[in-house]
Structures are given as structure tokens and as C-alpha cells.
Protein backbone atom coordinates (compact mmCIF):
# COMPACT_ATOMS: atom_id res chain seq x y z
CA UNK A 1 37.37 -105.30 22.86
CA UNK A 2 33.70 -104.61 23.50
CA UNK A 3 32.75 -105.21 19.86
CA UNK A 4 35.08 -108.21 19.54
CA UNK A 5 33.46 -110.15 22.38
CA UNK A 6 29.88 -109.43 21.34
CA UNK A 7 30.71 -110.18 17.71
CA UNK A 8 31.49 -113.73 18.78
CA UNK A 9 27.72 -114.22 19.20
CA UNK A 10 27.13 -113.46 15.53
CA UNK A 11 30.03 -115.68 14.49
CA UNK A 12 28.48 -118.49 16.54
CA UNK A 13 25.18 -118.08 14.67
CA UNK A 14 23.12 -116.43 17.41
CA UNK A 15 20.14 -114.59 15.89
CA UNK A 16 20.25 -110.79 15.86
CA UNK A 17 17.02 -110.42 17.80
CA UNK A 18 18.52 -112.52 20.60
CA UNK A 19 21.81 -110.58 20.58
CA UNK A 20 19.68 -107.44 20.89
CA UNK A 21 17.90 -108.88 23.95
CA UNK A 22 21.21 -109.88 25.54
CA UNK A 23 22.73 -106.46 24.86
CA UNK A 24 19.75 -104.78 26.55
CA UNK A 25 19.86 -107.11 29.56
CA UNK A 26 23.60 -107.34 30.21
CA UNK A 27 26.08 -104.49 30.53
CA UNK A 28 29.04 -106.68 29.56
CA UNK A 29 29.27 -109.77 27.36
CA UNK A 30 30.91 -111.81 30.16
CA UNK A 31 27.97 -111.11 32.48
CA UNK A 32 25.85 -113.49 30.38
CA UNK A 33 27.80 -116.45 31.76
CA UNK A 34 27.63 -115.31 35.39
CA UNK A 35 23.95 -116.17 35.69
CA UNK A 36 22.27 -119.57 35.63
CA UNK A 37 21.56 -121.01 32.17
CA UNK A 38 17.90 -121.45 33.12
CA UNK A 39 17.56 -117.64 33.25
CA UNK A 40 18.14 -117.50 29.49
CA UNK A 41 15.60 -120.25 28.89
CA UNK A 42 12.82 -119.27 31.29
CA UNK A 43 13.18 -115.52 31.75
CA UNK A 44 14.45 -114.44 28.35
CA UNK A 45 12.59 -117.15 26.40
CA UNK A 46 15.65 -118.23 24.42
CA UNK A 47 15.42 -121.78 23.08
CA UNK A 48 17.99 -124.50 23.81
CA UNK A 49 19.54 -124.38 20.33
CA UNK A 50 20.28 -120.67 20.60
CA UNK A 51 21.49 -121.03 24.19
CA UNK A 52 23.95 -123.65 22.96
CA UNK A 53 25.26 -121.18 20.39
CA UNK A 54 25.54 -118.47 23.04
CA UNK A 55 27.76 -120.75 25.12
CA UNK A 56 29.73 -121.74 22.02
CA UNK A 57 30.48 -118.07 21.38
CA UNK A 58 32.76 -117.80 24.40
CA UNK A 59 35.18 -120.21 22.71
CA UNK A 60 35.30 -118.13 19.53
CA UNK A 61 38.12 -115.71 18.87
CA UNK A 62 36.67 -113.02 16.62
CA UNK A 63 39.96 -111.13 16.40
CA UNK A 64 41.02 -112.65 13.08
CA UNK A 65 37.69 -111.99 11.40
CA UNK A 66 37.53 -108.39 12.63
CA UNK A 67 41.14 -107.80 11.55
CA UNK A 68 40.31 -109.22 8.12
CA UNK A 69 37.49 -106.69 7.82
CA UNK A 70 39.79 -103.87 8.93
CA UNK A 71 42.23 -104.71 6.15
CA UNK A 72 39.38 -104.19 3.69
CA UNK A 73 38.64 -100.82 5.26
CA UNK A 74 35.50 -102.08 7.01
CA UNK A 75 34.70 -101.08 10.58
CA UNK A 76 32.13 -102.88 12.74
CA UNK A 77 30.07 -100.77 15.13
CA UNK A 78 28.16 -102.62 17.85
CA UNK A 79 24.88 -101.29 19.23
CA UNK A 80 26.52 -100.56 22.61
CA UNK A 81 29.51 -98.71 21.10
CA UNK A 82 29.84 -94.95 21.53
CA UNK A 83 30.01 -94.46 17.76
CA UNK A 84 26.63 -96.11 17.23
CA UNK A 85 24.13 -93.37 16.23
CA UNK A 86 21.87 -92.57 19.18
CA UNK A 87 18.88 -91.86 16.95
CA UNK A 88 19.23 -95.28 15.30
CA UNK A 89 19.58 -97.06 18.64
CA UNK A 90 16.17 -95.70 19.61
CA UNK A 91 14.15 -97.19 16.73
CA UNK A 92 11.94 -100.23 17.28
CA UNK A 93 14.39 -102.81 15.88
CA UNK A 94 17.86 -101.29 15.65
CA UNK A 95 20.52 -103.30 13.79
CA UNK A 96 22.88 -105.00 16.24
CA UNK A 97 26.00 -104.51 14.13
CA UNK A 98 26.77 -101.94 11.45
CA UNK A 99 29.42 -102.68 8.84
CA UNK A 100 30.85 -99.34 7.73
CA UNK A 101 33.20 -98.43 4.91
CA UNK A 102 34.35 -94.84 4.52
CA UNK A 103 34.06 -91.83 6.77
CA UNK A 104 32.33 -93.06 9.92
CA UNK A 105 32.39 -89.51 11.34
CA UNK A 106 29.55 -88.63 8.94
CA UNK A 107 27.18 -90.43 11.30
CA UNK A 108 27.51 -87.42 13.62
CA UNK A 109 26.48 -84.87 10.97
CA UNK A 110 23.03 -83.40 10.40
CA UNK A 111 21.37 -85.71 7.89
CA UNK A 112 18.34 -85.73 5.60
CA UNK A 113 17.26 -88.87 3.73
CA UNK A 114 16.35 -88.46 0.05
CA UNK A 115 14.32 -91.25 -1.51
CA UNK A 116 12.18 -91.83 -4.58
CA UNK A 117 11.30 -94.02 -7.51
CA UNK A 118 13.82 -96.14 -9.42
CA UNK A 119 12.17 -94.96 -12.65
CA UNK A 120 12.74 -91.25 -12.16
CA UNK A 121 11.24 -88.84 -14.69
CA UNK A 122 13.11 -85.75 -15.90
CA UNK A 123 11.09 -83.76 -13.37
CA UNK A 124 12.19 -86.08 -10.55
CA UNK A 125 15.84 -85.87 -11.61
CA UNK A 126 15.78 -82.07 -11.68
CA UNK A 127 14.07 -81.87 -8.28
CA UNK A 128 16.51 -84.36 -6.72
CA UNK A 129 19.49 -82.40 -8.07
CA UNK A 130 18.05 -79.12 -6.77
CA UNK A 131 17.50 -80.40 -3.22
CA UNK A 132 20.80 -82.30 -3.03
CA UNK A 133 22.74 -79.19 -4.10
CA UNK A 134 20.90 -76.99 -1.60
CA UNK A 135 21.53 -79.45 1.24
CA UNK A 136 25.24 -79.48 0.37
CA UNK A 137 25.32 -75.66 0.50
CA UNK A 138 23.93 -75.86 4.02
CA UNK A 139 26.46 -78.51 5.17
CA UNK A 140 23.80 -81.20 5.57
CA UNK A 141 24.65 -84.80 4.65
CA UNK A 142 22.32 -86.77 2.39
CA UNK A 143 21.27 -90.35 3.09
CA UNK A 144 19.85 -92.78 0.53
CA UNK A 145 19.80 -96.42 -0.52
CA UNK A 146 22.16 -96.48 -3.55
CA UNK A 147 19.39 -97.91 -5.74
CA UNK A 148 18.70 -96.93 -9.35
CA UNK A 149 16.86 -93.68 -10.00
CA UNK A 150 16.49 -91.03 -7.30
CA UNK A 151 18.85 -92.77 -4.82
CA UNK A 152 21.76 -92.85 -7.24
CA UNK A 153 21.14 -89.27 -8.39
CA UNK A 154 21.11 -88.09 -4.77
CA UNK A 155 24.52 -89.65 -4.03
CA UNK A 156 26.05 -88.57 -7.34
CA UNK A 157 25.00 -84.92 -7.15
CA UNK A 158 25.97 -84.65 -3.48
CA UNK A 159 29.52 -85.84 -4.20
CA UNK A 160 29.86 -83.77 -7.39
CA UNK A 161 29.08 -80.67 -5.34
CA UNK A 162 31.59 -81.50 -2.61
CA UNK A 163 29.00 -82.71 -0.10
CA UNK A 164 28.78 -85.65 2.28
CA UNK A 165 26.58 -88.65 1.54
CA UNK A 166 25.74 -91.92 3.29
CA UNK A 167 24.53 -94.98 1.38
CA UNK A 168 22.67 -97.73 3.24
CA UNK A 169 22.73 -100.97 1.25
CA UNK A 170 20.85 -104.27 1.37
CA UNK A 171 23.81 -106.58 0.76
CA UNK A 172 27.25 -107.28 2.19
CA UNK A 173 29.78 -104.52 1.56
CA UNK A 174 31.60 -106.76 -0.90
CA UNK A 175 28.50 -107.37 -3.03
CA UNK A 176 27.89 -104.31 -5.20
CA UNK A 177 24.23 -103.95 -6.16
CA UNK A 178 22.97 -102.84 -8.56
CA UNK A 179 26.08 -103.47 -10.66
CA UNK A 180 25.35 -100.38 -12.76
CA UNK A 181 26.01 -98.24 -9.67
CA UNK A 182 29.53 -99.64 -9.18
CA UNK A 183 31.23 -96.33 -10.03
CA UNK A 184 29.23 -94.31 -7.54
CA UNK A 185 29.59 -97.12 -4.94
CA UNK A 186 33.39 -96.86 -5.20
CA UNK A 187 33.29 -93.07 -4.95
CA UNK A 188 31.15 -93.20 -1.81
CA UNK A 189 33.60 -95.66 -0.21
CA UNK A 190 36.35 -93.04 -0.63
CA UNK A 191 34.51 -89.77 -0.07
CA UNK A 192 31.35 -90.71 1.83
CA UNK A 193 30.16 -93.66 3.89
CA UNK A 194 28.52 -96.99 3.01
CA UNK A 195 26.62 -98.88 5.71
CA UNK A 196 25.15 -102.37 5.86
CA UNK A 197 23.85 -104.56 8.66
CA UNK A 198 24.71 -107.66 6.63
CA UNK A 199 27.99 -109.65 6.83
CA UNK A 200 30.30 -109.88 3.84
CA UNK A 201 29.05 -112.20 1.14
CA UNK A 202 25.36 -111.48 1.81
CA UNK A 203 23.57 -111.25 -1.56
CA UNK A 204 20.82 -108.68 -2.15
CA UNK A 205 17.32 -110.07 -1.66
CA UNK A 206 13.81 -108.66 -1.68
CA UNK A 207 13.64 -109.31 2.08
CA UNK A 208 16.73 -107.17 2.81
CA UNK A 209 15.58 -103.91 1.27
CA UNK A 210 12.55 -103.09 3.47
CA UNK A 211 14.83 -103.76 6.47
CA UNK A 212 17.50 -101.54 4.93
CA UNK A 213 14.91 -98.75 4.71
CA UNK A 214 14.46 -98.58 8.49
CA UNK A 215 18.15 -97.68 8.81
CA UNK A 216 17.79 -94.86 6.26
CA UNK A 217 14.88 -93.49 8.31
CA UNK A 218 16.62 -94.21 11.60
CA UNK A 219 19.80 -92.22 10.98
CA UNK A 220 18.05 -89.29 9.25
CA UNK A 221 16.46 -86.32 10.98
CA UNK A 222 13.80 -86.27 8.29
CA UNK A 223 12.99 -87.99 5.00
CA UNK A 224 12.39 -86.20 1.69
CA UNK A 225 10.31 -88.12 -0.86
CA UNK A 226 11.16 -86.63 -4.26
CA UNK A 227 9.02 -88.75 -6.59
CA UNK A 228 7.08 -91.94 -5.95
CA UNK A 229 4.46 -94.08 -7.64
CA UNK A 230 1.29 -95.11 -5.82
CA UNK A 231 2.89 -98.25 -4.39
CA UNK A 232 6.54 -97.25 -4.61
CA UNK A 233 9.16 -98.74 -2.27
CA UNK A 234 9.97 -95.26 -1.01
CA UNK A 235 6.50 -95.14 0.56
CA UNK A 236 7.59 -98.03 2.81
CA UNK A 237 10.50 -95.89 4.00
CA UNK A 238 8.16 -92.94 4.53
CA UNK A 239 5.83 -95.12 6.60
CA UNK A 240 8.75 -96.42 8.67
CA UNK A 241 9.94 -92.86 9.21
CA UNK A 242 6.50 -91.81 10.46
CA UNK A 243 6.36 -94.83 12.78
CA UNK A 244 9.70 -93.79 14.27
CA UNK A 245 8.65 -90.18 14.77
CA UNK A 246 10.67 -88.77 11.89
CA UNK A 247 9.40 -85.94 9.71
CA UNK A 248 8.43 -86.77 6.14
CA UNK A 249 8.64 -84.12 3.44
CA UNK A 250 7.33 -84.50 -0.09
CA UNK A 251 7.67 -82.53 -3.32
CA UNK A 252 4.35 -82.16 -5.17
CA UNK A 253 4.30 -83.50 -8.72
CA UNK A 254 2.28 -83.57 -11.91
CA UNK A 255 -1.23 -84.85 -11.13
CA UNK A 256 -1.25 -86.69 -14.47
CA UNK A 257 2.03 -88.53 -13.79
CA UNK A 258 1.88 -91.98 -12.17
CA UNK A 259 5.38 -91.30 -10.80
CA UNK A 260 3.99 -88.49 -8.63
CA UNK A 261 0.92 -90.32 -7.36
CA UNK A 262 2.64 -91.57 -4.21
CA UNK A 263 4.14 -88.20 -3.23
CA UNK A 264 0.92 -86.33 -3.95
CA UNK A 265 -1.02 -88.83 -1.81
CA UNK A 266 1.41 -88.37 1.09
CA UNK A 267 0.68 -84.64 1.00
CA UNK A 268 -3.06 -85.08 0.43
CA UNK A 269 -3.34 -87.46 3.40
CA UNK A 270 -1.31 -85.13 5.67
CA UNK A 271 1.41 -87.76 6.05
CA UNK A 272 4.08 -85.48 4.58
CA UNK A 273 4.79 -81.76 4.66
CA UNK A 274 4.76 -80.12 1.26
CA UNK A 275 8.16 -78.60 0.40
CA UNK A 276 9.33 -76.70 -2.66
CA UNK A 277 12.87 -75.86 -1.57
CA UNK A 278 15.38 -76.73 1.12
CA UNK A 279 14.52 -73.60 3.12
CA UNK A 280 11.23 -75.31 4.00
CA UNK A 281 13.25 -78.04 5.73
CA UNK A 282 15.78 -75.67 7.30
CA UNK A 283 13.04 -73.59 8.89
CA UNK A 284 11.45 -76.75 10.30
CA UNK A 285 14.59 -77.54 12.30
CA UNK A 286 16.06 -74.09 12.71
CA UNK A 287 19.13 -75.16 10.70
CA UNK A 288 21.21 -72.32 9.33
CA UNK A 289 18.18 -70.09 9.31
CA UNK A 290 18.73 -66.93 11.29
CA UNK A 291 16.00 -65.61 13.52
CA UNK A 292 15.57 -62.55 11.28
CA UNK A 293 15.10 -64.78 8.20
CA UNK A 294 12.34 -66.80 9.89
CA UNK A 295 10.63 -63.64 11.22
CA UNK A 296 10.61 -62.07 7.77
CA UNK A 297 9.62 -65.18 5.83
CA UNK A 298 6.69 -66.10 8.09
CA UNK A 299 5.74 -62.54 9.10
CA UNK A 300 6.04 -63.34 12.80
CA UNK A 301 6.26 -61.04 15.79
CA UNK A 302 8.99 -61.67 18.40
CA UNK A 303 6.48 -63.35 20.72
CA UNK A 304 5.03 -65.49 17.94
CA UNK A 305 8.55 -66.56 17.02
CA UNK A 306 9.08 -67.79 20.59
CA UNK A 307 6.10 -70.11 20.24
CA UNK A 308 6.97 -71.15 16.68
CA UNK A 309 10.49 -72.01 17.82
CA UNK A 310 9.30 -74.54 20.41
CA UNK A 311 6.83 -76.26 18.06
CA UNK A 312 9.48 -78.36 16.31
CA UNK A 313 7.33 -81.21 17.63
CA UNK A 314 3.65 -81.17 18.59
CA UNK A 315 3.16 -79.70 22.08
CA UNK A 316 0.22 -79.04 24.37
CA UNK A 317 -0.46 -75.74 26.13
CA UNK A 318 1.37 -76.70 29.34
CA UNK A 319 4.47 -77.69 27.39
CA UNK A 320 4.42 -74.37 25.47
CA UNK A 321 4.06 -72.43 28.73
CA UNK A 322 6.97 -74.34 30.25
CA UNK A 323 9.22 -73.78 27.22
CA UNK A 324 8.43 -70.09 26.63
CA UNK A 325 7.79 -68.90 30.24
CA UNK A 326 4.96 -66.76 28.87
CA UNK A 327 1.56 -66.22 30.51
CA UNK A 328 -1.34 -68.53 29.62
CA UNK A 329 -3.66 -65.79 28.35
CA UNK A 330 -0.95 -64.28 26.17
CA UNK A 331 -0.06 -67.66 24.66
CA UNK A 332 -3.69 -68.52 23.90
CA UNK A 333 -4.15 -65.18 22.14
CA UNK A 334 -0.97 -65.68 20.09
CA UNK A 335 -1.90 -69.26 19.21
CA UNK A 336 -5.24 -68.07 17.88
CA UNK A 337 -3.56 -65.35 15.80
CA UNK A 338 -0.97 -67.78 14.41
CA UNK A 339 -3.71 -70.25 13.54
CA UNK A 340 -5.57 -67.53 11.61
CA UNK A 341 -2.33 -66.77 9.72
CA UNK A 342 -2.09 -70.47 8.82
CA UNK A 343 1.31 -70.85 10.52
CA UNK A 344 0.18 -73.42 13.09
CA UNK A 345 -2.82 -75.67 13.62
CA UNK A 346 -4.47 -77.33 16.59
CA UNK A 347 -4.59 -81.12 16.52
CA UNK A 348 -6.51 -83.75 18.53
CA UNK A 349 -5.37 -84.08 22.15
CA UNK A 350 -5.18 -80.35 22.79
CA UNK A 351 -1.87 -80.03 20.98
CA UNK A 352 -0.46 -77.59 18.45
CA UNK A 353 1.88 -78.12 15.52
CA UNK A 354 3.51 -76.11 12.76
CA UNK A 355 1.81 -75.99 9.39
CA UNK A 356 4.72 -74.32 7.61
């Protein structure tokens, strides 16, 4: 019922940015009509044309349209629904509605985005296959954009190895693009999950894809850039991920290959963490990596491990003290030792972060 009522706003032609404002301001759809119309105009800065559409929406019965989508196996998730991913809700401009086809429960899994160039080299293909397989082995879902090249390889290899994959597309769920990926699209509908913020019938356009990328970043814990040219589209996703506080990982490539220029620059400019296998990502989040494995791999003492474990995100000294309950002098000594080992580094603002 919640989704049905709010969906009437979209059916009436109310812009998404305005629906987002209304959803933030009002707990229930019906509350919009309990306040004076001038509140929408003067306090929320909504113009008369859009206000008219808001009031038109109350006369719309969205039941038939939603039922029609259900018959096609499509579920609509509204930004205020429980099923809406929390991490996506917290980005700067979260999509108001998600059209989903497939296994919606995958949104609750641990997820890593894999992105890269559409013109993948043999090196890029091998690397993508390697990481996708390793993520599957560790029960981590992959997320990508179902484009040619690295995206398609990511989805294909994940499914072939019995893993879970989520495709975020830049068209309506009834408009398969690119057409050459139709087979993998159909497989993901059955075994994985396809997501779009666009209504049925929406054609792919150059405007849609950068917007699509923010959803890939938004639902992923981190983003892995496998291979990218200097100005590749995957760099836009990487930038969006950084803006939203997501980790960006990159695989180093051939310095003579134009297809590795973007990934190498991400690493060179300290925008991405260099990774050579999935363990590098697992250690970052403490996923499926036992304490003994981390201690051995990084040559840490028990006390150093305590500090390393809390530095999933940059933290200052006070935050480290609070999290570890260790004494200030002891922590400072350990931080210095860990910095010498190259495990952590100090950053501007009196904070510390992991280096590996």
C-alpha cells in the first residue's frame, strides 16, 4: 500500500527530485494533503505545475499498473520501503523507485562492484574472471552494469560459477541493451537480479548511464576497477564511489597499454587501493578472513591487530582509543611501529588509515 500510494506521484508526472523531497518531509503520502498548499509552494519551493500534478496524483489508482508489472515479474521498491537498501538510501541522490526483476533478496548480501572498459583486452578478461571466481568462492555478490566488455564478463563468470550477481541497467527492464547481451540478461533475470530506476519503455540514452553508475556504487561496499582507459566511463563510477565514501580498488596493468592507463592513474594518484587478488579486499573488510590469517599475512602482533581491525575507515587517535580501550602511550608506540612496517599511514587531520 505504501508503494502504491507514492507511485501515484510518478504516474501523475511529478519529478523524481520532488518526490524525494516529499518523501523526506512527510511520513505518509496522505500527510501531503493535510497541510496548506502554500507550504509546498513557499516552503518546499515546488512550482505550481508540479503542485497541480501532486494533487492530481490522489485521484490516480496505481493498482492496475503495479499489478501489470508484477505479472511480468517486476517488483517496485520505494525509497521508504524496508527492502530499499540502506546504503543506497544514504547517497546524495538516491533513486526514488527501483524496478527489480529477479532475486530481490540479493540486495541484502555482501556486494562488490566490478567495472571496466567495454573494449577489454585479454589481460582484462583474465583478471575479471579471476576476481569474479574468487568473490563467488567467498559468497560475495558481484555488481556491474551489464555493458559490453568487463561488465558482461563479470556477470557471465559469476553465474557460471554458481554465484550471485546484480546488474544495474540504464533502460527500462523491457528494453534489453546492448542487444548482444540478451542471453546473459535473461539468465540474470532468472538466477540473479536486474535493477533499473527507469519505467518500462525507457530507451537507453547517454544521459542515463552516468546516473546508473551511482546506483552501482551506492549498493556496493566497494568498487573494483579491472581495466580502464584514461577517460573510461568506469572512472566516472570510481569518482562517484569516492564521493559517496566507498572504497575503490584497482588492478595494475601494463604501462604500455592504453586500456590500463585509467586504472594505473587511480593507483598513482592514491584514489584506489592496489589489489592483486580478492584476499586484498577480504582483509580490508574482515570478510571470511580469520584473525590468524590476517596476523600471519601482515605479520601483526595481537595488539597491532586490535588497531588494524578498527581502521576499516580513517580514524583519529581519540577514536582509536575509544574503540580499542588501550592506553594512549601504548597506541602511539604501536602506530609508529605499524607505520614503519608500511601497514598504516598517517593522513592530514591527525588521522590514520590502512595502507594494506
